Amino acid sequence: MVRSLKKGFYVNPKIEKKVQDMVSSWDKKVIKTWDRACQITPDMLWFTFAVHNWKQFVSVYITEDMMGHRLGEFVPTRTFRGHPF
């Protein structure tokens, strides 16, 4: 189900604070997160996030096309090994 536009984006306050600190200091570090449900906002553009896929951290570089989507959409949790014969 889609979140109401009246409520705005769901962003974890800790991630939002880390992004704001990096914007103010002009720093480009990788932000590690386990929060796959966090939506991508315009402040997060051009940063790299390390999103956990329940086994390891996968790097995701945020671009304009990803805005409005969730971080977990770009990190698959399962490995596709082909169809069985």
N, C-alpha and C. Protein backbone atom coordinates (compact mmCIF):
# COMPACT_ATOMS: atom_id res chain seq x y z
N MET A 1 0.84 -1.17 0.00
CA MET A 1 0.00 0.00 0.00
C MET A 1 0.89 1.24 0.00
N VAL A 2 0.46 2.25 -0.69
CA VAL A 2 1.23 3.47 -0.86
C VAL A 2 1.00 4.42 0.31
N ARG A 3 2.05 5.10 0.71
CA ARG A 3 1.94 6.08 1.79
C ARG A 3 1.29 7.35 1.26
N SER A 4 0.46 7.98 2.08
CA SER A 4 -0.26 9.19 1.69
C SER A 4 0.71 10.34 1.42
N LEU A 5 0.45 11.09 0.36
CA LEU A 5 1.30 12.24 0.05
C LEU A 5 1.19 13.33 1.11
N LYS A 6 0.06 13.36 1.79
CA LYS A 6 -0.14 14.34 2.85
C LYS A 6 0.86 14.12 3.99
N LYS A 7 1.22 12.87 4.24
CA LYS A 7 2.17 12.55 5.31
C LYS A 7 3.62 12.81 4.90
N GLY A 8 3.90 12.77 3.62
CA GLY A 8 5.26 12.99 3.16
C GLY A 8 6.07 11.71 3.11
N PHE A 9 7.36 11.83 2.79
CA PHE A 9 8.24 10.68 2.70
C PHE A 9 8.49 10.09 4.09
N TYR A 10 8.69 8.75 4.13
CA TYR A 10 9.15 8.13 5.37
C TYR A 10 10.67 8.12 5.33
N VAL A 11 11.27 8.84 6.24
CA VAL A 11 12.72 8.87 6.35
C VAL A 11 13.09 8.65 7.80
N ASN A 12 13.99 7.71 8.02
CA ASN A 12 14.47 7.45 9.37
C ASN A 12 15.19 8.70 9.87
N PRO A 13 14.84 9.19 11.07
CA PRO A 13 15.49 10.42 11.58
C PRO A 13 17.00 10.32 11.70
N LYS A 14 17.53 9.14 11.99
CA LYS A 14 18.99 8.98 12.11
C LYS A 14 19.66 9.13 10.75
N ILE A 15 19.04 8.57 9.72
CA ILE A 15 19.61 8.69 8.38
C ILE A 15 19.51 10.13 7.90
N GLU A 16 18.39 10.77 8.19
CA GLU A 16 18.21 12.17 7.79
C GLU A 16 19.26 13.06 8.45
N LYS A 17 19.57 12.81 9.72
CA LYS A 17 20.58 13.60 10.43
C LYS A 17 21.96 13.38 9.82
N LYS A 18 22.29 12.12 9.48
CA LYS A 18 23.58 11.83 8.87
C LYS A 18 23.73 12.53 7.52
N VAL A 19 22.65 12.54 6.73
CA VAL A 19 22.70 13.20 5.43
C VAL A 19 22.87 14.70 5.60
N GLN A 20 22.14 15.30 6.55
CA GLN A 20 22.25 16.74 6.77
C GLN A 20 23.65 17.12 7.24
N ASP A 21 24.25 16.29 8.10
CA ASP A 21 25.62 16.55 8.55
C ASP A 21 26.61 16.48 7.39
N MET A 22 26.41 15.52 6.49
CA MET A 22 27.31 15.38 5.35
C MET A 22 27.13 16.53 4.36
N VAL A 23 25.91 17.01 4.19
CA VAL A 23 25.66 18.13 3.29
C VAL A 23 26.32 19.40 3.83
N SER A 24 26.20 19.61 5.13
CA SER A 24 26.77 20.83 5.71
C SER A 24 28.29 20.81 5.73
N SER A 25 28.90 19.63 5.84
CA SER A 25 30.36 19.55 5.90
C SER A 25 30.99 19.24 4.55
N TRP A 26 30.20 19.10 3.47
CA TRP A 26 30.68 18.76 2.14
C TRP A 26 31.50 17.48 2.16
N ASP A 27 31.05 16.51 2.92
CA ASP A 27 31.75 15.24 3.06
C ASP A 27 31.04 14.18 2.22
N LYS A 28 31.78 13.23 1.66
CA LYS A 28 31.19 12.18 0.82
C LYS A 28 31.57 10.80 1.35
N LYS A 29 31.08 10.44 2.51
CA LYS A 29 31.32 9.12 3.08
C LYS A 29 30.16 8.19 2.72
N VAL A 30 30.38 6.92 2.90
CA VAL A 30 29.32 5.92 2.69
C VAL A 30 28.51 5.83 3.97
N ILE A 31 27.18 5.87 3.83
CA ILE A 31 26.28 5.79 4.99
C ILE A 31 25.76 4.37 5.09
N LYS A 32 26.09 3.67 6.17
CA LYS A 32 25.61 2.31 6.38
C LYS A 32 24.22 2.34 7.01
N THR A 33 23.32 1.48 6.51
CA THR A 33 21.98 1.45 7.06
C THR A 33 21.38 0.06 6.92
N TRP A 34 20.54 -0.28 7.87
CA TRP A 34 19.75 -1.50 7.84
C TRP A 34 18.30 -1.18 7.47
N ASP A 35 17.96 0.10 7.40
CA ASP A 35 16.59 0.52 7.16
C ASP A 35 16.30 0.51 5.67
N ARG A 36 15.74 -0.61 5.18
CA ARG A 36 15.43 -0.75 3.76
C ARG A 36 14.14 -0.05 3.38
N ALA A 37 13.30 0.30 4.36
CA ALA A 37 12.02 0.93 4.10
C ALA A 37 12.12 2.44 3.96
N CYS A 38 13.28 3.01 4.21
CA CYS A 38 13.48 4.45 4.13
C CYS A 38 13.38 4.91 2.68
N GLN A 39 12.59 5.96 2.44
CA GLN A 39 12.43 6.48 1.08
C GLN A 39 13.53 7.47 0.74
N ILE A 40 13.83 7.56 -0.55
CA ILE A 40 14.89 8.43 -1.02
C ILE A 40 14.33 9.82 -1.26
N THR A 41 14.92 10.81 -0.61
CA THR A 41 14.49 12.21 -0.73
C THR A 41 15.49 12.99 -1.57
N PRO A 42 15.15 14.21 -1.98
CA PRO A 42 16.09 15.01 -2.78
C PRO A 42 17.40 15.32 -2.06
N ASP A 43 17.40 15.34 -0.73
CA ASP A 43 18.64 15.60 0.02
C ASP A 43 19.65 14.47 -0.14
N MET A 44 19.17 13.27 -0.43
CA MET A 44 20.05 12.09 -0.50
C MET A 44 20.70 11.90 -1.86
N LEU A 45 20.37 12.75 -2.83
CA LEU A 45 20.91 12.58 -4.17
C LEU A 45 22.43 12.71 -4.16
N TRP A 46 23.06 11.88 -4.99
CA TRP A 46 24.50 11.85 -5.23
C TRP A 46 25.31 11.36 -4.04
N PHE A 47 24.67 10.70 -3.08
CA PHE A 47 25.38 10.06 -1.98
C PHE A 47 25.38 8.55 -2.17
N THR A 48 26.29 7.87 -1.50
CA THR A 48 26.36 6.41 -1.56
C THR A 48 25.92 5.84 -0.23
N PHE A 49 24.99 4.89 -0.29
CA PHE A 49 24.49 4.21 0.89
C PHE A 49 24.92 2.75 0.84
N ALA A 50 25.26 2.19 1.98
CA ALA A 50 25.53 0.77 2.10
C ALA A 50 24.30 0.15 2.77
N VAL A 51 23.47 -0.51 1.97
CA VAL A 51 22.21 -1.07 2.45
C VAL A 51 22.40 -2.55 2.72
N HIS A 52 21.92 -3.00 3.86
CA HIS A 52 22.08 -4.40 4.26
C HIS A 52 21.05 -5.26 3.56
N ASN A 53 21.46 -6.40 3.00
CA ASN A 53 20.51 -7.30 2.36
C ASN A 53 20.34 -8.59 3.17
N TRP A 54 20.49 -8.50 4.47
CA TRP A 54 20.34 -9.58 5.45
C TRP A 54 21.48 -10.57 5.41
N LYS A 55 22.54 -10.24 4.62
CA LYS A 55 23.73 -11.06 4.61
C LYS A 55 24.99 -10.19 4.58
N GLN A 56 24.94 -9.11 3.80
CA GLN A 56 26.09 -8.22 3.66
C GLN A 56 25.59 -6.83 3.27
N PHE A 57 26.49 -5.87 3.27
CA PHE A 57 26.14 -4.52 2.84
C PHE A 57 26.42 -4.38 1.35
N VAL A 58 25.46 -3.79 0.64
CA VAL A 58 25.58 -3.57 -0.80
C VAL A 58 25.57 -2.06 -1.04
N SER A 59 26.52 -1.56 -1.82
CA SER A 59 26.60 -0.13 -2.09
C SER A 59 25.56 0.28 -3.13
N VAL A 60 24.87 1.40 -2.83
CA VAL A 60 23.87 1.95 -3.74
C VAL A 60 24.18 3.43 -3.91
N TYR A 61 24.44 3.85 -5.15
CA TYR A 61 24.68 5.26 -5.46
C TYR A 61 23.34 5.86 -5.88
N ILE A 62 22.90 6.90 -5.20
CA ILE A 62 21.58 7.48 -5.40
C ILE A 62 21.62 8.48 -6.57
N THR A 63 20.71 8.29 -7.54
CA THR A 63 20.58 9.19 -8.68
C THR A 63 19.16 9.77 -8.69
N GLU A 64 18.90 10.65 -9.65
CA GLU A 64 17.61 11.33 -9.72
C GLU A 64 16.46 10.37 -10.00
N ASP A 65 16.70 9.32 -10.76
CA ASP A 65 15.65 8.37 -11.10
C ASP A 65 15.17 7.56 -9.90
N MET A 66 15.96 7.49 -8.86
CA MET A 66 15.62 6.69 -7.68
C MET A 66 14.77 7.45 -6.66
N MET A 67 14.60 8.75 -6.86
CA MET A 67 13.89 9.55 -5.87
C MET A 67 12.44 9.09 -5.73
N GLY A 68 11.99 8.95 -4.48
CA GLY A 68 10.64 8.50 -4.21
C GLY A 68 10.54 7.00 -3.97
N HIS A 69 11.56 6.26 -4.40
CA HIS A 69 11.58 4.82 -4.17
C HIS A 69 12.19 4.54 -2.80
N ARG A 70 12.19 3.29 -2.41
CA ARG A 70 12.77 2.90 -1.13
C ARG A 70 14.15 2.31 -1.34
N LEU A 71 15.00 2.38 -0.31
CA LEU A 71 16.37 1.89 -0.44
C LEU A 71 16.41 0.39 -0.71
N GLY A 72 15.50 -0.37 -0.13
CA GLY A 72 15.51 -1.82 -0.29
C GLY A 72 15.17 -2.30 -1.68
N GLU A 73 14.58 -1.44 -2.51
CA GLU A 73 14.22 -1.84 -3.86
C GLU A 73 15.44 -2.07 -4.74
N PHE A 74 16.56 -1.50 -4.39
CA PHE A 74 17.76 -1.57 -5.22
C PHE A 74 18.77 -2.59 -4.72
N VAL A 75 18.40 -3.33 -3.67
CA VAL A 75 19.30 -4.34 -3.10
C VAL A 75 18.53 -5.65 -3.01
N PRO A 76 18.77 -6.57 -3.95
CA PRO A 76 18.04 -7.85 -3.89
C PRO A 76 18.48 -8.69 -2.69
N THR A 77 17.53 -9.40 -2.11
CA THR A 77 17.82 -10.23 -0.94
C THR A 77 18.06 -11.67 -1.31
N ARG A 78 17.69 -12.05 -2.52
CA ARG A 78 17.87 -13.43 -2.96
C ARG A 78 18.77 -13.48 -4.18
N THR A 79 19.49 -14.59 -4.31
CA THR A 79 20.38 -14.79 -5.44
C THR A 79 19.70 -15.67 -6.46
N PHE A 80 19.51 -15.16 -7.67
CA PHE A 80 18.89 -15.93 -8.74
C PHE A 80 19.94 -16.83 -9.37
N ARG A 81 19.73 -18.13 -9.35
CA ARG A 81 20.71 -19.08 -9.88
C ARG A 81 20.20 -19.78 -11.12
N GLY A 82 19.21 -19.24 -11.76
CA GLY A 82 18.69 -19.84 -12.98
C GLY A 82 17.47 -20.70 -12.70
N HIS A 83 16.74 -21.00 -13.74
CA HIS A 83 15.56 -21.84 -13.61
C HIS A 83 15.97 -23.30 -13.60
N PRO A 84 15.27 -24.13 -12.83
CA PRO A 84 15.59 -25.57 -12.85
C PRO A 84 15.13 -26.21 -14.17
N PHE A 85 15.82 -27.25 -14.57
CA PHE A 85 15.47 -27.91 -15.84
C PHE A 85 14.33 -28.84 -15.65
